Amino acid sequence: MRSLLIAALVSVSAVPALADSTTGKVVAFDRKANVLVLEDKTIWSLETLTTVPEDLKSGDMVEIRYNSNADNGWGRINAIEIKG
């Protein structure tokens, strides 16, 4: 019984952070401040992102992949991809 409880506890603690994504049209991108504003008026701080696409500009459709932070929204942006 004890080993079953330990195995269940280990499997629950090994669950990675929930990954999520959103897509939208870029309204504004401030490369100096690392801030991206989408058409739906969401504001994304890109300070946790290591690589921002160099050709990212206003009008681009993008997909933002990030880790969810439960009730606090998003925790870390993993990638931004410009969609055709």
C-alpha atoms as a PDB file:
ATOM      1  CA  MET A   1       0.000   0.000   0.000  1.00  0.00           C
ATOM      2  CA  ARG A   2       2.797   2.395   0.920  1.00  0.00           C
ATOM      3  CA  SER A   3       4.633   1.802  -2.381  1.00  0.00           C
ATOM      4  CA  LEU A   4       1.423   2.484  -4.307  1.00  0.00           C
ATOM      5  CA  LEU A   5       0.989   5.789  -2.472  1.00  0.00           C
ATOM      6  CA  ILE A   6       4.603   6.770  -3.152  1.00  0.00           C
ATOM      7  CA  ALA A   7       4.271   5.873  -6.844  1.00  0.00           C
ATOM      8  CA  ALA A   8       1.102   7.971  -7.131  1.00  0.00           C
ATOM      9  CA  LEU A   9       2.784  10.919  -5.414  1.00  0.00           C
ATOM     10  CA  VAL A  10       5.830  10.723  -7.700  1.00  0.00           C
ATOM     11  CA  SER A  11       3.696  10.557 -10.848  1.00  0.00           C
ATOM     12  CA  VAL A  12       1.676  13.618  -9.819  1.00  0.00           C
ATOM     13  CA  SER A  13       4.758  15.661  -8.959  1.00  0.00           C
ATOM     14  CA  ALA A  14       6.364  14.794 -12.320  1.00  0.00           C
ATOM     15  CA  VAL A  15       3.600  16.489 -14.339  1.00  0.00           C
ATOM     16  CA  PRO A  16       5.094  19.358 -16.374  1.00  0.00           C
ATOM     17  CA  ALA A  17       3.605  22.845 -16.468  1.00  0.00           C
ATOM     18  CA  LEU A  18       0.632  23.111 -18.782  1.00  0.00           C
ATOM     19  CA  ALA A  19       1.545  24.428 -22.202  1.00  0.00           C
ATOM     20  CA  ASP A  20      -0.896  26.532 -24.144  1.00  0.00           C
ATOM     21  CA  SER A  21      -0.974  28.751 -27.216  1.00  0.00           C
ATOM     22  CA  THR A  22      -2.831  31.661 -28.709  1.00  0.00           C
ATOM     23  CA  THR A  23      -2.918  33.236 -32.128  1.00  0.00           C
ATOM     24  CA  GLY A  24      -3.588  36.782 -33.156  1.00  0.00           C
ATOM     25  CA  LYS A  25      -2.703  39.747 -35.333  1.00  0.00           C
ATOM     26  CA  VAL A  26       0.082  42.045 -34.140  1.00  0.00           C
ATOM     27  CA  VAL A  27      -1.079  45.636 -33.665  1.00  0.00           C
ATOM     28  CA  ALA A  28       2.172  46.936 -32.191  1.00  0.00           C
ATOM     29  CA  PHE A  29       5.609  45.587 -31.336  1.00  0.00           C
ATOM     30  CA  ASP A  30       8.122  47.560 -29.299  1.00  0.00           C
ATOM     31  CA  ARG A  31      11.447  45.787 -29.791  1.00  0.00           C
ATOM     32  CA  LYS A  32      13.220  48.014 -27.270  1.00  0.00           C
ATOM     33  CA  ALA A  33      10.701  47.419 -24.458  1.00  0.00           C
ATOM     34  CA  ASN A  34      10.038  43.793 -25.551  1.00  0.00           C
ATOM     35  CA  VAL A  35       6.271  44.306 -25.598  1.00  0.00           C
ATOM     36  CA  LEU A  36       3.824  42.860 -28.111  1.00  0.00           C
ATOM     37  CA  VAL A  37       0.195  44.009 -28.463  1.00  0.00           C
ATOM     38  CA  LEU A  38      -2.308  41.827 -30.306  1.00  0.00           C
ATOM     39  CA  GLU A  39      -5.527  42.882 -32.038  1.00  0.00           C
ATOM     40  CA  ASP A  40      -7.612  41.518 -29.139  1.00  0.00           C
ATOM     41  CA  LYS A  41      -5.836  44.119 -26.921  1.00  0.00           C
ATOM     42  CA  THR A  42      -3.764  41.567 -25.016  1.00  0.00           C
ATOM     43  CA  ILE A  43      -0.318  42.790 -24.052  1.00  0.00           C
ATOM     44  CA  TRP A  44       2.532  40.287 -23.975  1.00  0.00           C
ATOM     45  CA  SER A  45       5.833  41.002 -22.251  1.00  0.00           C
ATOM     46  CA  LEU A  46       8.534  39.144 -24.156  1.00  0.00           C
ATOM     47  CA  GLU A  47      11.237  39.475 -21.508  1.00  0.00           C
ATOM     48  CA  THR A  48      11.230  35.708 -20.826  1.00  0.00           C
ATOM     49  CA  LEU A  49      11.618  34.877 -24.519  1.00  0.00           C
ATOM     50  CA  THR A  50      15.184  34.243 -25.645  1.00  0.00           C
ATOM     51  CA  THR A  51      14.633  34.616 -29.395  1.00  0.00           C
ATOM     52  CA  VAL A  52      12.147  36.999 -31.015  1.00  0.00           C
ATOM     53  CA  PRO A  53      11.690  36.675 -34.805  1.00  0.00           C
ATOM     54  CA  GLU A  54      13.737  39.462 -36.384  1.00  0.00           C
ATOM     55  CA  ASP A  55      11.132  40.216 -39.043  1.00  0.00           C
ATOM     56  CA  LEU A  56       8.219  40.486 -36.566  1.00  0.00           C
ATOM     57  CA  LYS A  57       6.140  43.580 -37.339  1.00  0.00           C
ATOM     58  CA  SER A  58       2.713  45.115 -37.054  1.00  0.00           C
ATOM     59  CA  GLY A  59       0.132  43.271 -39.155  1.00  0.00           C
ATOM     60  CA  ASP A  60       1.735  39.819 -38.792  1.00  0.00           C
ATOM     61  CA  MET A  61      -0.390  36.858 -37.686  1.00  0.00           C
ATOM     62  CA  VAL A  62       1.471  35.076 -34.893  1.00  0.00           C
ATOM     63  CA  GLU A  63       1.155  32.035 -32.684  1.00  0.00           C
ATOM     64  CA  ILE A  64       2.444  32.470 -29.136  1.00  0.00           C
ATOM     65  CA  ARG A  65       3.266  29.295 -27.219  1.00  0.00           C
ATOM     66  CA  TYR A  66       3.522  29.700 -23.462  1.00  0.00           C
ATOM     67  CA  ASN A  67       3.254  27.879 -20.147  1.00  0.00           C
ATOM     68  CA  SER A  68       0.031  28.482 -18.265  1.00  0.00           C
ATOM     69  CA  ASN A  69       0.315  29.713 -14.702  1.00  0.00           C
ATOM     70  CA  ALA A  70      -3.035  28.459 -13.380  1.00  0.00           C
ATOM     71  CA  ASP A  71      -5.242  31.385 -12.323  1.00  0.00           C
ATOM     72  CA  ASN A  72      -2.466  33.936 -12.878  1.00  0.00           C
ATOM     73  CA  GLY A  73      -2.557  33.756 -16.692  1.00  0.00           C
ATOM     74  CA  TRP A  74       0.720  32.919 -18.394  1.00  0.00           C
ATOM     75  CA  GLY A  75       4.069  32.269 -16.786  1.00  0.00           C
ATOM     76  CA  ARG A  76       6.667  31.960 -19.533  1.00  0.00           C
ATOM     77  CA  ILE A  77       6.526  32.453 -23.287  1.00  0.00           C
ATOM     78  CA  ASN A  78       8.300  29.586 -25.053  1.00  0.00           C
ATOM     79  CA  ALA A  79       8.086  30.689 -28.679  1.00  0.00           C
ATOM     80  CA  ILE A  80       6.538  33.091 -31.155  1.00  0.00           C
ATOM     81  CA  GLU A  81       5.953  31.924 -34.701  1.00  0.00           C
ATOM     82  CA  ILE A  82       4.843  34.124 -37.587  1.00  0.00           C
ATOM     83  CA  LYS A  83       1.997  32.442 -39.451  1.00  0.00           C
ATOM     84  CA  GLY A  84       1.647  32.803 -43.233  1.00  0.00           C
END
